[in-house]
């Protein structure tokens, strides 16, 4: 069995085991995941050689024109289409930006599995605003041996959404919800892979 095949199986097992320990609701999976061990956090010195991003097609999508549709994926900043694929591209881009500047001594692979990407609808965006509610599992393993370094843990990457006049003003200045989320997610992923005492919010992170 090849090293890559071993890694793939390892990732699948880790994510499946974590998901199996969760309760499933009609809106989103409520995953119980362990935080990263303190030693692993303190010793992070990563060079990310690869990132695998998963957006399961079991996640429910809503296109309902409501303030808060009941679904796992709500995304309106791209034209109508495959929302799972659109979310995948957003997360891949954010992960690439987040890991591009990590040049540590330990080569690692990172696995990300989205379990909620509930952005705001047009109806909410131009009135009351809301929250871009985003959650994903993140795991880190050694790129050479396949050994698990940080077991899957749940990361809450939610971001307050502009609303009404603030949303219109943000769009005028180029800070669309999609731009804000790209930047915010890159900052969150970078934070999750960096020792706390070394982490500095990247310049593109939304304040």
C-alpha atoms as a PDB file:
ATOM      1  CA  UNK A   1       0.000   0.000   0.000  1.00  0.00           C
ATOM      2  CA  UNK A   2       1.394   3.392  -0.931  1.00  0.00           C
ATOM      3  CA  UNK A   3       2.136   6.074   1.636  1.00  0.00           C
ATOM      4  CA  UNK A   4      -0.521   8.350   0.114  1.00  0.00           C
ATOM      5  CA  UNK A   5      -3.097   5.557   0.213  1.00  0.00           C
ATOM      6  CA  UNK A   6      -2.255   4.994   3.866  1.00  0.00           C
ATOM      7  CA  UNK A   7      -2.699   8.696   4.608  1.00  0.00           C
ATOM      8  CA  UNK A   8      -6.028   8.741   2.787  1.00  0.00           C
ATOM      9  CA  UNK A   9      -7.320   5.795   4.787  1.00  0.00           C
ATOM     10  CA  UNK A  10      -6.070   7.381   8.004  1.00  0.00           C
ATOM     11  CA  UNK A  11      -7.878  10.627   7.274  1.00  0.00           C
ATOM     12  CA  UNK A  12     -11.079   8.834   6.356  1.00  0.00           C
ATOM     13  CA  UNK A  13     -11.010   6.782   9.548  1.00  0.00           C
ATOM     14  CA  UNK A  14     -10.238   9.795  11.744  1.00  0.00           C
ATOM     15  CA  UNK A  15     -13.012  11.908  10.292  1.00  0.00           C
ATOM     16  CA  UNK A  16     -15.473   9.020  10.304  1.00  0.00           C
ATOM     17  CA  UNK A  17     -14.747   8.202  13.941  1.00  0.00           C
ATOM     18  CA  UNK A  18     -15.207  11.822  14.956  1.00  0.00           C
ATOM     19  CA  UNK A  19     -18.472  12.104  13.055  1.00  0.00           C
ATOM     20  CA  UNK A  20     -19.684   8.827  14.550  1.00  0.00           C
ATOM     21  CA  UNK A  21     -19.379  10.324  18.045  1.00  0.00           C
ATOM     22  CA  UNK A  22     -21.705  13.182  17.152  1.00  0.00           C
ATOM     23  CA  UNK A  23     -25.445  13.669  17.302  1.00  0.00           C
ATOM     24  CA  UNK A  24     -27.248  14.480  14.049  1.00  0.00           C
ATOM     25  CA  UNK A  25     -29.900  17.189  13.967  1.00  0.00           C
ATOM     26  CA  UNK A  26     -32.147  18.384  11.150  1.00  0.00           C
ATOM     27  CA  UNK A  27     -29.979  21.461  10.718  1.00  0.00           C
ATOM     28  CA  UNK A  28     -26.365  20.429  11.160  1.00  0.00           C
ATOM     29  CA  UNK A  29     -24.206  17.771  12.728  1.00  0.00           C
ATOM     30  CA  UNK A  30     -23.237  18.670  16.294  1.00  0.00           C
ATOM     31  CA  UNK A  31     -19.727  17.249  16.478  1.00  0.00           C
ATOM     32  CA  UNK A  32     -17.909  16.650  19.747  1.00  0.00           C
ATOM     33  CA  UNK A  33     -14.186  16.897  19.050  1.00  0.00           C
ATOM     34  CA  UNK A  34     -11.200  17.086  21.340  1.00  0.00           C
ATOM     35  CA  UNK A  35      -9.115  20.284  21.471  1.00  0.00           C
ATOM     36  CA  UNK A  36      -5.523  20.074  20.296  1.00  0.00           C
ATOM     37  CA  UNK A  37      -3.206  18.783  23.073  1.00  0.00           C
ATOM     38  CA  UNK A  38      -1.274  21.650  24.743  1.00  0.00           C
ATOM     39  CA  UNK A  39       2.088  20.086  23.822  1.00  0.00           C
ATOM     40  CA  UNK A  40       1.130  19.841  20.153  1.00  0.00           C
ATOM     41  CA  UNK A  41      -0.018  23.460  20.122  1.00  0.00           C
ATOM     42  CA  UNK A  42       3.174  24.705  21.779  1.00  0.00           C
ATOM     43  CA  UNK A  43       5.412  22.711  19.426  1.00  0.00           C
ATOM     44  CA  UNK A  44       3.746  23.656  16.156  1.00  0.00           C
ATOM     45  CA  UNK A  45       6.446  24.360  13.603  1.00  0.00           C
ATOM     46  CA  UNK A  46       4.739  23.310  10.408  1.00  0.00           C
ATOM     47  CA  UNK A  47       5.434  23.415   6.712  1.00  0.00           C
ATOM     48  CA  UNK A  48       2.155  22.390   5.122  1.00  0.00           C
ATOM     49  CA  UNK A  49       2.822  20.322   2.019  1.00  0.00           C
ATOM     50  CA  UNK A  50      -0.794  19.466   1.259  1.00  0.00           C
ATOM     51  CA  UNK A  51      -4.339  20.275   2.376  1.00  0.00           C
ATOM     52  CA  UNK A  52      -7.314  17.988   1.768  1.00  0.00           C
ATOM     53  CA  UNK A  53     -10.673  19.753   1.967  1.00  0.00           C
ATOM     54  CA  UNK A  54     -13.946  17.826   2.144  1.00  0.00           C
ATOM     55  CA  UNK A  55     -17.467  19.224   1.773  1.00  0.00           C
ATOM     56  CA  UNK A  56     -19.763  16.193   2.134  1.00  0.00           C
ATOM     57  CA  UNK A  57     -22.768  16.049  -0.155  1.00  0.00           C
ATOM     58  CA  UNK A  58     -24.776  14.899   2.872  1.00  0.00           C
ATOM     59  CA  UNK A  59     -24.839  18.553   3.992  1.00  0.00           C
ATOM     60  CA  UNK A  60     -28.238  20.059   3.247  1.00  0.00           C
ATOM     61  CA  UNK A  61     -28.472  23.149   1.012  1.00  0.00           C
ATOM     62  CA  UNK A  62     -31.225  25.770   1.051  1.00  0.00           C
ATOM     63  CA  UNK A  63     -32.034  28.393  -1.560  1.00  0.00           C
ATOM     64  CA  UNK A  64     -35.083  29.636   0.370  1.00  0.00           C
ATOM     65  CA  UNK A  65     -35.653  33.388   0.319  1.00  0.00           C
ATOM     66  CA  UNK A  66     -35.937  33.723   4.100  1.00  0.00           C
ATOM     67  CA  UNK A  67     -34.046  35.414   6.897  1.00  0.00           C
ATOM     68  CA  UNK A  68     -32.709  32.154   8.293  1.00  0.00           C
ATOM     69  CA  UNK A  69     -33.264  28.991   6.224  1.00  0.00           C
ATOM     70  CA  UNK A  70     -32.920  25.641   7.985  1.00  0.00           C
ATOM     71  CA  UNK A  71     -29.920  24.017   6.290  1.00  0.00           C
ATOM     72  CA  UNK A  72     -26.224  23.212   6.610  1.00  0.00           C
ATOM     73  CA  UNK A  73     -25.162  25.245   3.566  1.00  0.00           C
ATOM     74  CA  UNK A  74     -26.580  28.658   2.707  1.00  0.00           C
ATOM     75  CA  UNK A  75     -24.492  30.561   0.175  1.00  0.00           C
ATOM     76  CA  UNK A  76     -25.656  33.314  -2.185  1.00  0.00           C
ATOM     77  CA  UNK A  77     -22.486  35.182  -3.187  1.00  0.00           C
ATOM     78  CA  UNK A  78     -21.922  33.006  -6.269  1.00  0.00           C
ATOM     79  CA  UNK A  79     -24.389  32.367  -9.108  1.00  0.00           C
ATOM     80  CA  UNK A  80     -26.839  29.483  -8.607  1.00  0.00           C
ATOM     81  CA  UNK A  81     -25.037  26.175  -8.987  1.00  0.00           C
ATOM     82  CA  UNK A  82     -23.355  23.420  -7.017  1.00  0.00           C
ATOM     83  CA  UNK A  83     -23.131  25.051  -3.571  1.00  0.00           C
ATOM     84  CA  UNK A  84     -21.014  22.218  -2.179  1.00  0.00           C
ATOM     85  CA  UNK A  85     -18.439  22.812  -4.903  1.00  0.00           C
ATOM     86  CA  UNK A  86     -18.534  26.576  -4.385  1.00  0.00           C
ATOM     87  CA  UNK A  87     -17.899  26.157  -0.654  1.00  0.00           C
ATOM     88  CA  UNK A  88     -15.090  23.700  -1.448  1.00  0.00           C
ATOM     89  CA  UNK A  89     -13.351  26.305  -3.624  1.00  0.00           C
ATOM     90  CA  UNK A  90     -13.699  28.971  -0.929  1.00  0.00           C
ATOM     91  CA  UNK A  91     -12.164  26.714   1.712  1.00  0.00           C
ATOM     92  CA  UNK A  92      -9.373  25.544  -0.601  1.00  0.00           C
ATOM     93  CA  UNK A  93      -8.456  29.118  -1.440  1.00  0.00           C
ATOM     94  CA  UNK A  94      -8.501  30.147   2.220  1.00  0.00           C
ATOM     95  CA  UNK A  95      -6.366  27.153   3.196  1.00  0.00           C
ATOM     96  CA  UNK A  96      -3.819  27.896   0.472  1.00  0.00           C
ATOM     97  CA  UNK A  97      -3.483  31.498   1.646  1.00  0.00           C
ATOM     98  CA  UNK A  98      -3.287  30.430   5.287  1.00  0.00           C
ATOM     99  CA  UNK A  99      -0.563  27.838   4.804  1.00  0.00           C
ATOM    100  CA  UNK A 100       1.537  29.505   2.128  1.00  0.00           C
ATOM    101  CA  UNK A 101       3.659  31.384   4.655  1.00  0.00           C
ATOM    102  CA  UNK A 102       4.235  28.506   7.085  1.00  0.00           C
ATOM    103  CA  UNK A 103       7.852  27.438   6.665  1.00  0.00           C
ATOM    104  CA  UNK A 104       8.603  25.339   9.711  1.00  0.00           C
ATOM    105  CA  UNK A 105      10.779  22.251  10.012  1.00  0.00           C
ATOM    106  CA  UNK A 106       7.984  19.649  10.168  1.00  0.00           C
ATOM    107  CA  UNK A 107       6.252  18.677   6.922  1.00  0.00           C
ATOM    108  CA  UNK A 108       2.577  18.045   7.546  1.00  0.00           C
ATOM    109  CA  UNK A 109      -0.678  17.316   5.760  1.00  0.00           C
ATOM    110  CA  UNK A 110      -3.845  19.041   6.899  1.00  0.00           C
ATOM    111  CA  UNK A 111      -7.376  17.697   6.543  1.00  0.00           C
ATOM    112  CA  UNK A 112     -10.418  19.962   6.710  1.00  0.00           C
ATOM    113  CA  UNK A 113     -14.021  18.760   6.625  1.00  0.00           C
ATOM    114  CA  UNK A 114     -16.778  21.378   6.504  1.00  0.00           C
ATOM    115  CA  UNK A 115     -19.832  20.543   8.576  1.00  0.00           C
ATOM    116  CA  UNK A 116     -21.585  23.952   8.403  1.00  0.00           C
ATOM    117  CA  UNK A 117     -21.369  26.890   6.004  1.00  0.00           C
ATOM    118  CA  UNK A 118     -24.476  28.955   6.740  1.00  0.00           C
ATOM    119  CA  UNK A 119     -23.975  32.424   5.302  1.00  0.00           C
ATOM    120  CA  UNK A 120     -26.674  35.098   5.219  1.00  0.00           C
ATOM    121  CA  UNK A 121     -29.388  35.351   2.581  1.00  0.00           C
ATOM    122  CA  UNK A 122     -30.021  38.404   0.449  1.00  0.00           C
ATOM    123  CA  UNK A 123     -33.072  39.156   2.592  1.00  0.00           C
ATOM    124  CA  UNK A 124     -30.946  39.271   5.752  1.00  0.00           C
ATOM    125  CA  UNK A 125     -27.951  40.974   4.133  1.00  0.00           C
ATOM    126  CA  UNK A 126     -29.849  44.077   3.102  1.00  0.00           C
ATOM    127  CA  UNK A 127     -31.890  44.371   6.295  1.00  0.00           C
ATOM    128  CA  UNK A 128     -30.869  42.963   9.678  1.00  0.00           C
ATOM    129  CA  UNK A 129     -27.542  41.315   8.849  1.00  0.00           C
ATOM    130  CA  UNK A 130     -26.674  38.289  10.948  1.00  0.00           C
ATOM    131  CA  UNK A 131     -23.817  35.816  11.285  1.00  0.00           C
ATOM    132  CA  UNK A 132     -21.881  33.790   8.745  1.00  0.00           C
ATOM    133  CA  UNK A 133     -22.031  30.545  10.764  1.00  0.00           C
ATOM    134  CA  UNK A 134     -19.127  28.329   9.703  1.00  0.00           C
ATOM    135  CA  UNK A 135     -17.723  25.219  11.380  1.00  0.00           C
ATOM    136  CA  UNK A 136     -15.243  22.640  10.210  1.00  0.00           C
ATOM    137  CA  UNK A 137     -13.144  19.757  11.468  1.00  0.00           C
ATOM    138  CA  UNK A 138      -9.381  20.142  11.213  1.00  0.00           C
ATOM    139  CA  UNK A 139      -6.737  17.430  11.635  1.00  0.00           C
ATOM    140  CA  UNK A 140      -2.947  17.474  11.198  1.00  0.00           C
ATOM    141  CA  UNK A 141      -0.680  14.520  10.480  1.00  0.00           C
ATOM    142  CA  UNK A 142       2.979  13.959   9.670  1.00  0.00           C
ATOM    143  CA  UNK A 143       3.578  14.079   5.910  1.00  0.00           C
ATOM    144  CA  UNK A 144       6.366  11.503   6.076  1.00  0.00           C
ATOM    145  CA  UNK A 145       5.044   8.888   8.491  1.00  0.00           C
ATOM    146  CA  UNK A 146       1.296   9.500   8.463  1.00  0.00           C
ATOM    147  CA  UNK A 147       1.331   9.769  12.252  1.00  0.00           C
ATOM    148  CA  UNK A 148      -1.482  11.832  13.727  1.00  0.00           C
ATOM    149  CA  UNK A 149      -0.130  15.050  15.230  1.00  0.00           C
ATOM    150  CA  UNK A 150      -3.420  16.815  16.012  1.00  0.00           C
ATOM    151  CA  UNK A 151      -6.585  14.739  16.032  1.00  0.00           C
ATOM    152  CA  UNK A 152      -9.736  16.114  14.389  1.00  0.00           C
ATOM    153  CA  UNK A 153     -11.183  19.032  16.335  1.00  0.00           C
ATOM    154  CA  UNK A 154     -14.105  21.309  15.682  1.00  0.00           C
ATOM    155  CA  UNK A 155     -13.207  24.864  14.663  1.00  0.00           C
ATOM    156  CA  UNK A 156     -15.813  27.615  14.868  1.00  0.00           C
ATOM    157  CA  UNK A 157     -15.002  30.156  12.167  1.00  0.00           C
ATOM    158  CA  UNK A 158     -18.175  32.223  12.395  1.00  0.00           C
ATOM    159  CA  UNK A 159     -18.100  35.894  11.417  1.00  0.00           C
ATOM    160  CA  UNK A 160     -20.573  38.704  12.080  1.00  0.00           C
ATOM    161  CA  UNK A 161     -22.245  39.715   8.818  1.00  0.00           C
ATOM    162  CA  UNK A 162     -22.882  43.287   7.782  1.00  0.00           C
ATOM    163  CA  UNK A 163     -26.479  44.284   7.289  1.00  0.00           C
ATOM    164  CA  UNK A 164     -28.489  47.076   5.705  1.00  0.00           C
ATOM    165  CA  UNK A 165     -26.511  50.268   5.040  1.00  0.00           C
ATOM    166  CA  UNK A 166     -23.323  48.710   6.405  1.00  0.00           C
ATOM    167  CA  UNK A 167     -23.601  45.903   3.846  1.00  0.00           C
ATOM    168  CA  UNK A 168     -24.119  48.372   1.000  1.00  0.00           C
ATOM    169  CA  UNK A 169     -21.207  50.516   2.187  1.00  0.00           C
ATOM    170  CA  UNK A 170     -18.944  47.462   2.483  1.00  0.00           C
ATOM    171  CA  UNK A 171     -19.742  46.419  -1.078  1.00  0.00           C
ATOM    172  CA  UNK A 172     -18.896  49.914  -2.338  1.00  0.00           C
ATOM    173  CA  UNK A 173     -15.444  49.564  -0.800  1.00  0.00           C
ATOM    174  CA  UNK A 174     -14.929  46.052  -2.160  1.00  0.00           C
ATOM    175  CA  UNK A 175     -15.512  44.294   1.177  1.00  0.00           C
ATOM    176  CA  UNK A 176     -18.232  41.979  -0.102  1.00  0.00           C
ATOM    177  CA  UNK A 177     -19.308  39.045   2.059  1.00  0.00           C
ATOM    178  CA  UNK A 178     -17.256  36.727  -0.155  1.00  0.00           C
ATOM    179  CA  UNK A 179     -14.103  38.835   0.209  1.00  0.00           C
ATOM    180  CA  UNK A 180     -14.574  39.153   3.967  1.00  0.00           C
ATOM    181  CA  UNK A 181     -15.098  35.404   4.346  1.00  0.00           C
ATOM    182  CA  UNK A 182     -12.078  34.511   2.212  1.00  0.00           C
ATOM    183  CA  UNK A 183      -9.897  36.724   4.373  1.00  0.00           C
ATOM    184  CA  UNK A 184     -11.452  35.669   7.665  1.00  0.00           C
ATOM    185  CA  UNK A 185     -11.202  31.937   6.952  1.00  0.00           C
ATOM    186  CA  UNK A 186      -7.569  32.264   5.894  1.00  0.00           C
ATOM    187  CA  UNK A 187      -6.827  33.966   9.196  1.00  0.00           C
ATOM    188  CA  UNK A 188      -8.673  31.307  11.218  1.00  0.00           C
ATOM    189  CA  UNK A 189      -6.920  28.392   9.506  1.00  0.00           C
ATOM    190  CA  UNK A 190      -3.525  30.049   9.925  1.00  0.00           C
ATOM    191  CA  UNK A 191      -4.252  30.616  13.617  1.00  0.00           C
ATOM    192  CA  UNK A 192      -5.147  26.947  14.053  1.00  0.00           C
ATOM    193  CA  UNK A 193      -1.763  25.876  12.669  1.00  0.00           C
ATOM    194  CA  UNK A 194       0.453  28.379  14.487  1.00  0.00           C
ATOM    195  CA  UNK A 195       1.732  28.447  18.096  1.00  0.00           C
ATOM    196  CA  UNK A 196      -0.297  31.064  20.014  1.00  0.00           C
ATOM    197  CA  UNK A 197       2.819  32.960  21.072  1.00  0.00           C
ATOM    198  CA  UNK A 198       3.908  33.373  17.431  1.00  0.00           C
ATOM    199  CA  UNK A 199       0.554  34.038  15.822  1.00  0.00           C
ATOM    200  CA  UNK A 200      -0.132  37.492  14.451  1.00  0.00           C
ATOM    201  CA  UNK A 201      -3.306  38.222  12.557  1.00  0.00           C
ATOM    202  CA  UNK A 202      -2.409  38.455   8.843  1.00  0.00           C
ATOM    203  CA  UNK A 203      -2.882  41.798   7.151  1.00  0.00           C
ATOM    204  CA  UNK A 204      -5.813  40.451   5.134  1.00  0.00           C
ATOM    205  CA  UNK A 205      -7.744  39.324   8.219  1.00  0.00           C
ATOM    206  CA  UNK A 206     -11.001  41.197   8.726  1.00  0.00           C
ATOM    207  CA  UNK A 207     -11.080  43.116  12.005  1.00  0.00           C
END
